[in-house]
Amino acid sequence: MGRSGGNRYLVLGLGEGLAADLALPPDQDELIAYGPLLSDNGDTWLGTAALLRAPNPDTARAALPPDRYADIEVHDWEFGRRR
């Protein structure tokens, strides 16, 4: 189940066009999962999803660079579901 304690967040970077941030971010200590969001047929990049531990939503949001996405959403998250 991973480390206990701390705040966990689902961060969604929504975009269109060329894929951004396909490589893992350099700071991976608190990273739980990371990867692209693809269309149903898998041909079109729609954004990036990251699950991570962070002290607050603003720190979690900083995991994805804002200049590469049309919008970045941050949601409280726990194993098994969003909160």
N, C-alpha and C. Protein backbone atom coordinates (compact mmCIF):
# COMPACT_ATOMS: atom_id res chain seq x y z
N MET A 1 0.81 -1.19 0.00
CA MET A 1 0.00 0.00 0.00
C MET A 1 0.86 1.26 0.00
N GLY A 2 2.15 1.16 -0.02
CA GLY A 2 2.98 2.35 -0.07
C GLY A 2 3.19 2.95 1.30
N ARG A 3 3.84 4.08 1.33
CA ARG A 3 4.09 4.77 2.59
C ARG A 3 2.79 5.22 3.22
N SER A 4 2.76 5.24 4.53
CA SER A 4 1.57 5.73 5.21
C SER A 4 1.78 7.19 5.58
N GLY A 5 0.67 7.86 5.84
CA GLY A 5 0.74 9.26 6.23
C GLY A 5 0.93 10.19 5.05
N GLY A 6 0.81 11.46 5.33
CA GLY A 6 1.00 12.46 4.28
C GLY A 6 -0.24 12.63 3.43
N ASN A 7 -0.24 13.67 2.63
CA ASN A 7 -1.34 13.94 1.72
C ASN A 7 -1.01 13.38 0.35
N ARG A 8 -1.99 12.78 -0.26
CA ARG A 8 -1.80 12.23 -1.61
C ARG A 8 -2.73 12.96 -2.57
N TYR A 9 -2.23 13.18 -3.79
CA TYR A 9 -2.98 13.94 -4.78
C TYR A 9 -2.93 13.26 -6.14
N LEU A 10 -4.02 13.42 -6.88
CA LEU A 10 -4.09 13.09 -8.29
C LEU A 10 -3.97 14.41 -9.03
N VAL A 11 -2.93 14.55 -9.84
CA VAL A 11 -2.70 15.77 -10.61
C VAL A 11 -2.91 15.44 -12.09
N LEU A 12 -3.82 16.17 -12.73
CA LEU A 12 -4.12 15.95 -14.14
C LEU A 12 -3.72 17.19 -14.93
N GLY A 13 -2.78 17.03 -15.84
CA GLY A 13 -2.42 18.09 -16.76
C GLY A 13 -3.14 17.84 -18.07
N LEU A 14 -4.04 18.74 -18.45
CA LEU A 14 -4.86 18.55 -19.64
C LEU A 14 -4.32 19.39 -20.78
N GLY A 15 -4.17 18.78 -21.94
CA GLY A 15 -3.62 19.51 -23.06
C GLY A 15 -4.07 18.92 -24.37
N GLU A 16 -3.48 19.43 -25.44
CA GLU A 16 -3.75 18.90 -26.77
C GLU A 16 -2.52 19.16 -27.61
N GLY A 17 -2.44 18.47 -28.72
CA GLY A 17 -1.27 18.64 -29.58
C GLY A 17 -0.19 17.64 -29.23
N LEU A 18 1.06 18.10 -29.30
CA LEU A 18 2.19 17.22 -29.03
C LEU A 18 2.25 16.86 -27.54
N ALA A 19 2.62 15.63 -27.27
CA ALA A 19 2.71 15.16 -25.89
C ALA A 19 3.77 15.93 -25.11
N ALA A 20 3.47 16.22 -23.86
CA ALA A 20 4.40 16.90 -22.96
C ALA A 20 4.72 15.99 -21.79
N ASP A 21 5.90 16.10 -21.27
CA ASP A 21 6.29 15.40 -20.04
C ASP A 21 6.12 13.89 -20.10
N LEU A 22 6.62 13.26 -21.15
CA LEU A 22 6.55 11.81 -21.22
C LEU A 22 7.60 11.15 -20.32
N ALA A 23 8.67 11.86 -20.02
CA ALA A 23 9.70 11.33 -19.12
C ALA A 23 9.29 11.61 -17.68
N LEU A 24 9.74 10.74 -16.78
CA LEU A 24 9.45 10.94 -15.35
C LEU A 24 10.07 12.23 -14.86
N PRO A 25 9.40 12.92 -13.93
CA PRO A 25 10.00 14.12 -13.36
C PRO A 25 11.26 13.77 -12.56
N PRO A 26 12.18 14.72 -12.42
CA PRO A 26 13.44 14.42 -11.74
C PRO A 26 13.28 14.06 -10.26
N ASP A 27 12.33 14.69 -9.56
CA ASP A 27 12.11 14.41 -8.14
C ASP A 27 11.05 13.32 -8.02
N GLN A 28 11.49 12.08 -7.81
CA GLN A 28 10.58 10.94 -7.80
C GLN A 28 10.35 10.35 -6.42
N ASP A 29 10.90 10.97 -5.37
CA ASP A 29 10.79 10.41 -4.03
C ASP A 29 9.35 10.22 -3.58
N GLU A 30 8.47 11.14 -3.93
CA GLU A 30 7.08 11.08 -3.48
C GLU A 30 6.13 10.68 -4.61
N LEU A 31 6.68 10.29 -5.75
CA LEU A 31 5.87 9.91 -6.90
C LEU A 31 5.33 8.49 -6.73
N ILE A 32 4.03 8.31 -6.92
CA ILE A 32 3.40 7.00 -6.81
C ILE A 32 3.18 6.41 -8.20
N ALA A 33 2.66 7.21 -9.12
CA ALA A 33 2.43 6.78 -10.51
C ALA A 33 2.47 8.01 -11.40
N TYR A 34 2.83 7.78 -12.68
CA TYR A 34 2.97 8.89 -13.62
C TYR A 34 2.84 8.36 -15.03
N GLY A 35 2.09 9.06 -15.87
CA GLY A 35 2.00 8.63 -17.26
C GLY A 35 1.05 9.46 -18.08
N PRO A 36 1.04 9.20 -19.39
CA PRO A 36 0.20 9.97 -20.30
C PRO A 36 -1.27 9.58 -20.20
N LEU A 37 -2.14 10.54 -20.50
CA LEU A 37 -3.57 10.28 -20.69
C LEU A 37 -3.79 10.23 -22.20
N LEU A 38 -4.35 9.12 -22.68
CA LEU A 38 -4.52 8.93 -24.12
C LEU A 38 -5.99 8.79 -24.47
N SER A 39 -6.32 9.09 -25.72
CA SER A 39 -7.69 8.91 -26.22
C SER A 39 -8.05 7.42 -26.19
N ASP A 40 -9.32 7.11 -26.38
CA ASP A 40 -9.78 5.72 -26.34
C ASP A 40 -9.03 4.82 -27.30
N ASN A 41 -8.66 5.34 -28.47
CA ASN A 41 -7.95 4.50 -29.43
C ASN A 41 -6.44 4.51 -29.20
N GLY A 42 -5.97 5.31 -28.24
CA GLY A 42 -4.56 5.35 -27.89
C GLY A 42 -3.69 6.16 -28.83
N ASP A 43 -4.30 6.83 -29.79
CA ASP A 43 -3.53 7.58 -30.79
C ASP A 43 -3.30 9.04 -30.44
N THR A 44 -4.12 9.60 -29.56
CA THR A 44 -4.05 11.03 -29.29
C THR A 44 -3.72 11.27 -27.83
N TRP A 45 -2.69 12.10 -27.60
CA TRP A 45 -2.32 12.48 -26.24
C TRP A 45 -3.29 13.54 -25.75
N LEU A 46 -3.86 13.33 -24.56
CA LEU A 46 -4.82 14.26 -23.97
C LEU A 46 -4.28 14.98 -22.74
N GLY A 47 -3.19 14.46 -22.19
CA GLY A 47 -2.63 15.07 -21.00
C GLY A 47 -1.73 14.10 -20.26
N THR A 48 -1.47 14.44 -19.01
CA THR A 48 -0.58 13.65 -18.15
C THR A 48 -1.23 13.50 -16.78
N ALA A 49 -1.11 12.32 -16.18
CA ALA A 49 -1.61 12.08 -14.83
C ALA A 49 -0.44 11.76 -13.91
N ALA A 50 -0.49 12.30 -12.71
CA ALA A 50 0.51 11.99 -11.69
C ALA A 50 -0.20 11.73 -10.37
N LEU A 51 0.19 10.68 -9.69
CA LEU A 51 -0.24 10.41 -8.32
C LEU A 51 0.99 10.62 -7.45
N LEU A 52 0.85 11.44 -6.41
CA LEU A 52 2.02 11.74 -5.59
C LEU A 52 1.64 12.18 -4.19
N ARG A 53 2.63 12.11 -3.32
CA ARG A 53 2.50 12.66 -1.97
C ARG A 53 3.09 14.05 -1.98
N ALA A 54 2.41 14.98 -1.33
CA ALA A 54 2.88 16.36 -1.24
C ALA A 54 2.28 17.00 0.00
N PRO A 55 2.93 18.04 0.53
CA PRO A 55 2.40 18.68 1.74
C PRO A 55 1.09 19.44 1.51
N ASN A 56 0.85 19.88 0.25
CA ASN A 56 -0.36 20.66 -0.02
C ASN A 56 -0.65 20.64 -1.53
N PRO A 57 -1.85 21.08 -1.94
CA PRO A 57 -2.21 21.05 -3.36
C PRO A 57 -1.30 21.89 -4.25
N ASP A 58 -0.82 23.03 -3.76
CA ASP A 58 0.05 23.86 -4.59
C ASP A 58 1.37 23.17 -4.91
N THR A 59 1.92 22.46 -3.94
CA THR A 59 3.15 21.70 -4.18
C THR A 59 2.89 20.57 -5.16
N ALA A 60 1.74 19.91 -5.02
CA ALA A 60 1.38 18.84 -5.95
C ALA A 60 1.24 19.38 -7.37
N ARG A 61 0.59 20.54 -7.52
CA ARG A 61 0.40 21.16 -8.84
C ARG A 61 1.74 21.44 -9.52
N ALA A 62 2.75 21.77 -8.74
CA ALA A 62 4.07 22.11 -9.29
C ALA A 62 4.77 20.90 -9.91
N ALA A 63 4.23 19.70 -9.74
CA ALA A 63 4.82 18.51 -10.36
C ALA A 63 4.72 18.56 -11.88
N LEU A 64 3.76 19.32 -12.40
CA LEU A 64 3.59 19.47 -13.85
C LEU A 64 3.81 20.94 -14.21
N PRO A 65 4.66 21.22 -15.20
CA PRO A 65 4.92 22.61 -15.56
C PRO A 65 3.71 23.27 -16.21
N PRO A 66 3.24 24.40 -15.69
CA PRO A 66 2.00 25.02 -16.18
C PRO A 66 2.07 25.50 -17.63
N ASP A 67 3.25 25.77 -18.14
CA ASP A 67 3.35 26.27 -19.51
C ASP A 67 3.13 25.18 -20.56
N ARG A 68 3.03 23.93 -20.15
CA ARG A 68 2.84 22.83 -21.10
C ARG A 68 1.41 22.31 -21.15
N TYR A 69 0.52 22.88 -20.35
CA TYR A 69 -0.85 22.36 -20.25
C TYR A 69 -1.86 23.49 -20.34
N ALA A 70 -3.02 23.19 -20.92
CA ALA A 70 -4.12 24.15 -20.97
C ALA A 70 -4.71 24.36 -19.58
N ASP A 71 -4.71 23.29 -18.78
CA ASP A 71 -5.26 23.35 -17.42
C ASP A 71 -4.60 22.26 -16.59
N ILE A 72 -4.45 22.51 -15.30
CA ILE A 72 -3.95 21.49 -14.37
C ILE A 72 -4.94 21.39 -13.23
N GLU A 73 -5.45 20.18 -13.00
CA GLU A 73 -6.38 19.91 -11.91
C GLU A 73 -5.65 19.15 -10.81
N VAL A 74 -5.98 19.46 -9.56
CA VAL A 74 -5.42 18.75 -8.41
C VAL A 74 -6.58 18.24 -7.57
N HIS A 75 -6.58 16.93 -7.29
CA HIS A 75 -7.64 16.30 -6.51
C HIS A 75 -7.03 15.53 -5.35
N ASP A 76 -7.66 15.63 -4.17
CA ASP A 76 -7.27 14.75 -3.06
C ASP A 76 -7.45 13.32 -3.53
N TRP A 77 -6.55 12.44 -3.09
CA TRP A 77 -6.59 11.06 -3.56
C TRP A 77 -6.14 10.12 -2.46
N GLU A 78 -6.70 8.93 -2.44
CA GLU A 78 -6.22 7.86 -1.56
C GLU A 78 -6.26 6.57 -2.35
N PHE A 79 -5.51 5.58 -1.93
CA PHE A 79 -5.48 4.32 -2.66
C PHE A 79 -6.89 3.78 -2.83
N GLY A 80 -7.25 3.49 -4.06
CA GLY A 80 -8.56 2.94 -4.36
C GLY A 80 -9.55 3.94 -4.91
N ARG A 81 -9.32 5.27 -4.68
CA ARG A 81 -10.30 6.26 -5.17
C ARG A 81 -9.84 7.68 -4.89
N ARG A 82 -10.53 8.63 -5.58
CA ARG A 82 -10.37 10.04 -5.23
C ARG A 82 -11.16 10.29 -3.96
N ARG A 83 -10.78 11.29 -3.18
CA ARG A 83 -11.55 11.65 -1.98
C ARG A 83 -12.53 12.72 -2.31
